[in-house]
N, C-alpha and C. Protein backbone atom coordinates (compact mmCIF):
# COMPACT_ATOMS: atom_id res chain seq x y z
N UNK A 1 5.51 68.01 18.30
CA UNK A 1 5.50 68.34 16.88
C UNK A 1 6.24 69.65 16.61
N UNK A 2 6.06 70.63 17.50
CA UNK A 2 6.72 71.91 17.33
C UNK A 2 8.24 71.76 17.46
N UNK A 3 8.68 70.95 18.40
CA UNK A 3 10.12 70.73 18.58
C UNK A 3 10.73 70.09 17.33
N UNK A 4 10.00 69.20 16.69
CA UNK A 4 10.50 68.57 15.47
C UNK A 4 10.66 69.58 14.34
N UNK A 5 9.69 70.49 14.18
CA UNK A 5 9.77 71.51 13.13
C UNK A 5 10.92 72.49 13.37
N UNK A 6 11.12 72.86 14.62
CA UNK A 6 12.23 73.76 14.94
C UNK A 6 13.57 73.06 14.67
N UNK A 7 13.67 71.79 15.05
CA UNK A 7 14.90 71.03 14.81
C UNK A 7 15.17 70.85 13.32
N UNK A 8 14.11 70.59 12.54
CA UNK A 8 14.27 70.43 11.09
C UNK A 8 14.70 71.74 10.43
N UNK A 9 14.12 72.84 10.88
CA UNK A 9 14.50 74.15 10.33
C UNK A 9 15.96 74.46 10.67
N UNK A 10 16.37 74.17 11.90
CA UNK A 10 17.75 74.40 12.30
C UNK A 10 18.72 73.52 11.50
N UNK A 11 18.36 72.26 11.31
CA UNK A 11 19.22 71.36 10.53
C UNK A 11 19.32 71.81 9.08
N UNK A 12 18.22 72.31 8.51
CA UNK A 12 18.24 72.81 7.14
C UNK A 12 19.14 74.04 7.01
N UNK A 13 19.01 74.98 7.94
CA UNK A 13 19.86 76.17 7.90
C UNK A 13 21.34 75.82 8.10
N UNK A 14 21.63 74.88 8.96
CA UNK A 14 23.01 74.45 9.18
C UNK A 14 23.57 73.80 7.92
N UNK A 15 22.77 72.99 7.24
CA UNK A 15 23.23 72.35 6.00
C UNK A 15 23.48 73.39 4.91
N UNK A 16 22.62 74.41 4.82
CA UNK A 16 22.83 75.47 3.84
C UNK A 16 24.10 76.28 4.15
N UNK A 17 24.34 76.54 5.41
CA UNK A 17 25.55 77.29 5.79
C UNK A 17 26.81 76.49 5.44
N UNK A 18 26.81 75.21 5.74
CA UNK A 18 27.98 74.37 5.41
C UNK A 18 28.17 74.27 3.90
N UNK A 19 27.08 74.14 3.15
CA UNK A 19 27.19 74.06 1.70
C UNK A 19 27.76 75.36 1.13
N UNK A 20 27.37 76.49 1.69
CA UNK A 20 27.90 77.79 1.23
C UNK A 20 29.39 77.90 1.49
N UNK A 21 29.83 77.49 2.68
CA UNK A 21 31.25 77.55 3.01
C UNK A 21 32.06 76.61 2.12
N UNK A 22 31.58 75.41 1.92
CA UNK A 22 32.30 74.44 1.08
C UNK A 22 32.39 74.94 -0.36
N UNK A 23 31.28 75.50 -0.88
CA UNK A 23 31.31 76.05 -2.24
C UNK A 23 32.31 77.20 -2.35
N UNK A 24 32.38 78.05 -1.34
CA UNK A 24 33.34 79.16 -1.36
C UNK A 24 34.78 78.68 -1.33
N UNK A 25 35.07 77.67 -0.54
CA UNK A 25 36.43 77.13 -0.46
C UNK A 25 36.83 76.49 -1.79
N UNK A 26 35.94 75.73 -2.39
CA UNK A 26 36.24 75.08 -3.67
C UNK A 26 36.47 76.14 -4.75
N UNK A 27 35.65 77.19 -4.76
CA UNK A 27 35.82 78.26 -5.75
C UNK A 27 37.15 78.98 -5.54
N UNK A 28 37.51 79.25 -4.30
CA UNK A 28 38.77 79.94 -4.02
C UNK A 28 39.96 79.09 -4.45
N UNK A 29 39.88 77.79 -4.28
CA UNK A 29 40.98 76.92 -4.69
C UNK A 29 41.09 76.83 -6.21
N UNK A 30 39.98 76.90 -6.91
CA UNK A 30 40.01 76.84 -8.37
C UNK A 30 40.56 78.12 -8.98
N UNK A 31 40.28 79.25 -8.36
CA UNK A 31 40.70 80.54 -8.90
C UNK A 31 42.21 80.67 -8.86
N UNK A 32 42.85 80.24 -7.81
CA UNK A 32 44.30 80.33 -7.70
C UNK A 32 44.72 81.64 -7.07
N UNK A 33 46.03 81.88 -7.06
CA UNK A 33 46.53 83.09 -6.41
C UNK A 33 46.22 84.33 -7.25
N UNK A 34 46.10 85.48 -6.60
CA UNK A 34 45.82 86.71 -7.35
C UNK A 34 47.03 87.14 -8.16
N UNK A 35 46.84 87.91 -9.24
CA UNK A 35 47.97 88.38 -10.02
C UNK A 35 48.79 89.39 -9.21
N UNK A 36 50.02 89.63 -9.61
CA UNK A 36 50.83 90.60 -8.88
C UNK A 36 50.24 91.99 -9.01
N UNK A 37 50.48 92.86 -8.04
CA UNK A 37 49.91 94.20 -8.10
C UNK A 37 50.48 94.99 -9.27
N UNK A 38 49.66 95.86 -9.81
CA UNK A 38 50.10 96.68 -10.94
C UNK A 38 50.81 97.91 -10.40
N UNK A 39 52.01 98.14 -10.85
CA UNK A 39 52.72 99.36 -10.49
C UNK A 39 52.89 100.19 -11.76
N UNK A 40 53.40 101.37 -11.63
CA UNK A 40 53.53 102.22 -12.82
C UNK A 40 54.80 101.91 -13.61
N UNK A 41 55.62 100.98 -13.13
CA UNK A 41 56.87 100.66 -13.82
C UNK A 41 56.77 99.34 -14.55
N UNK A 42 55.90 99.27 -15.51
CA UNK A 42 55.76 98.05 -16.27
C UNK A 42 54.41 98.01 -16.96
N UNK A 43 54.06 96.85 -17.51
CA UNK A 43 52.79 96.72 -18.20
C UNK A 43 52.38 95.26 -18.25
N UNK A 44 51.08 95.02 -18.44
CA UNK A 44 50.57 93.68 -18.66
C UNK A 44 50.66 93.36 -20.13
N UNK A 45 51.04 92.16 -20.46
CA UNK A 45 51.16 91.75 -21.86
C UNK A 45 50.56 90.36 -22.02
N UNK A 46 49.75 90.19 -23.07
CA UNK A 46 49.14 88.89 -23.32
C UNK A 46 50.15 88.01 -24.05
N UNK A 47 50.46 86.88 -23.47
CA UNK A 47 51.41 85.95 -24.07
C UNK A 47 50.76 84.57 -24.20
N UNK A 48 51.33 83.75 -25.07
CA UNK A 48 50.84 82.39 -25.25
C UNK A 48 51.88 81.43 -24.67
N UNK A 49 51.43 80.57 -23.77
CA UNK A 49 52.35 79.61 -23.16
C UNK A 49 52.64 78.48 -24.13
N UNK A 50 53.66 77.65 -23.88
CA UNK A 50 54.02 76.57 -24.81
C UNK A 50 52.88 75.58 -25.09
N UNK A 51 51.96 75.42 -24.15
CA UNK A 51 50.86 74.49 -24.42
C UNK A 51 49.71 75.15 -25.19
N UNK A 52 49.85 76.43 -25.53
CA UNK A 52 48.87 77.11 -26.37
C UNK A 52 47.83 77.91 -25.64
N UNK A 53 47.87 77.95 -24.32
CA UNK A 53 46.88 78.72 -23.58
C UNK A 53 47.35 80.16 -23.41
N UNK A 54 46.46 81.12 -23.62
CA UNK A 54 46.86 82.52 -23.44
C UNK A 54 46.88 82.90 -21.96
N UNK A 55 47.79 83.78 -21.59
CA UNK A 55 47.85 84.26 -20.22
C UNK A 55 48.47 85.65 -20.20
N UNK A 56 48.06 86.45 -19.23
CA UNK A 56 48.64 87.77 -19.08
C UNK A 56 49.87 87.66 -18.21
N UNK A 57 50.93 88.36 -18.62
CA UNK A 57 52.19 88.35 -17.90
C UNK A 57 52.60 89.78 -17.62
N UNK A 58 53.11 90.02 -16.42
CA UNK A 58 53.57 91.36 -16.06
C UNK A 58 55.00 91.55 -16.58
N UNK A 59 55.18 92.56 -17.41
CA UNK A 59 56.49 92.88 -17.97
C UNK A 59 57.02 94.10 -17.22
N UNK A 60 58.06 93.89 -16.42
CA UNK A 60 58.63 94.99 -15.66
C UNK A 60 59.57 95.79 -16.56
N UNK A 61 59.50 97.10 -16.43
CA UNK A 61 60.37 97.97 -17.20
C UNK A 61 61.70 98.10 -16.47
N UNK A 62 62.77 97.91 -17.18
CA UNK A 62 64.08 98.05 -16.56
C UNK A 62 64.44 99.53 -16.48
N UNK A 63 65.37 99.84 -15.61
CA UNK A 63 65.77 101.22 -15.44
C UNK A 63 66.35 101.79 -16.72
N UNK A 64 65.89 102.95 -17.09
CA UNK A 64 66.35 103.72 -18.25
C UNK A 64 66.03 103.04 -19.58
N UNK A 65 65.17 102.01 -19.62
CA UNK A 65 64.73 101.41 -20.87
C UNK A 65 63.23 101.64 -20.98
N UNK A 66 62.83 102.39 -21.95
CA UNK A 66 61.44 102.77 -22.09
C UNK A 66 60.85 102.17 -23.36
N UNK A 67 59.63 101.72 -23.28
CA UNK A 67 58.93 101.32 -24.50
C UNK A 67 58.36 102.59 -25.13
N UNK A 68 57.98 102.55 -26.41
CA UNK A 68 57.52 103.78 -27.07
C UNK A 68 56.33 104.44 -26.38
N UNK A 69 55.43 103.65 -25.79
CA UNK A 69 54.26 104.27 -25.18
C UNK A 69 54.54 104.89 -23.82
N UNK A 70 55.66 104.54 -23.18
CA UNK A 70 55.97 105.10 -21.86
C UNK A 70 57.24 105.93 -21.85
N UNK A 71 57.81 106.21 -23.00
CA UNK A 71 59.06 106.96 -23.07
C UNK A 71 58.83 108.42 -22.71
N UNK A 72 59.36 108.90 -21.58
CA UNK A 72 59.15 110.30 -21.22
C UNK A 72 59.94 111.27 -22.11
N UNK A 73 60.94 110.75 -22.83
CA UNK A 73 61.74 111.61 -23.68
C UNK A 73 61.20 111.66 -25.12
N UNK A 74 60.10 110.96 -25.37
CA UNK A 74 59.52 110.91 -26.71
C UNK A 74 58.42 111.96 -26.82
N UNK A 75 58.80 113.22 -26.80
CA UNK A 75 57.83 114.29 -26.95
C UNK A 75 58.37 115.31 -27.94
N UNK A 76 57.49 116.02 -28.53
CA UNK A 76 57.91 117.03 -29.50
C UNK A 76 57.99 118.38 -28.84
N UNK A 77 59.00 119.09 -29.20
CA UNK A 77 59.14 120.43 -28.69
C UNK A 77 58.40 121.38 -29.62
N UNK A 78 57.69 122.28 -29.03
CA UNK A 78 56.95 123.26 -29.83
C UNK A 78 57.92 124.40 -30.13
N UNK A 79 58.13 124.70 -31.44
CA UNK A 79 59.05 125.81 -31.76
C UNK A 79 58.45 127.14 -31.33
N UNK A 80 59.31 128.02 -30.87
CA UNK A 80 58.85 129.34 -30.44
C UNK A 80 59.23 130.39 -31.42
């Protein structure tokens, strides 16, 4: 009787471990690839795709082209 209880407990724990791994794999496949890393030369922008779903897109800043919020030359000089 004791051997049966130990075997049942082991089988239950093994089934829970397999269910956890399978759930993790399915979740990882649904999530998809991670977004590209954020660097200081660009910004995230919310865009709408042709099918109507919103998505964030990384907009890279080109050399010497600054948007108003990142323009280093857009500062006021304090008169002396």
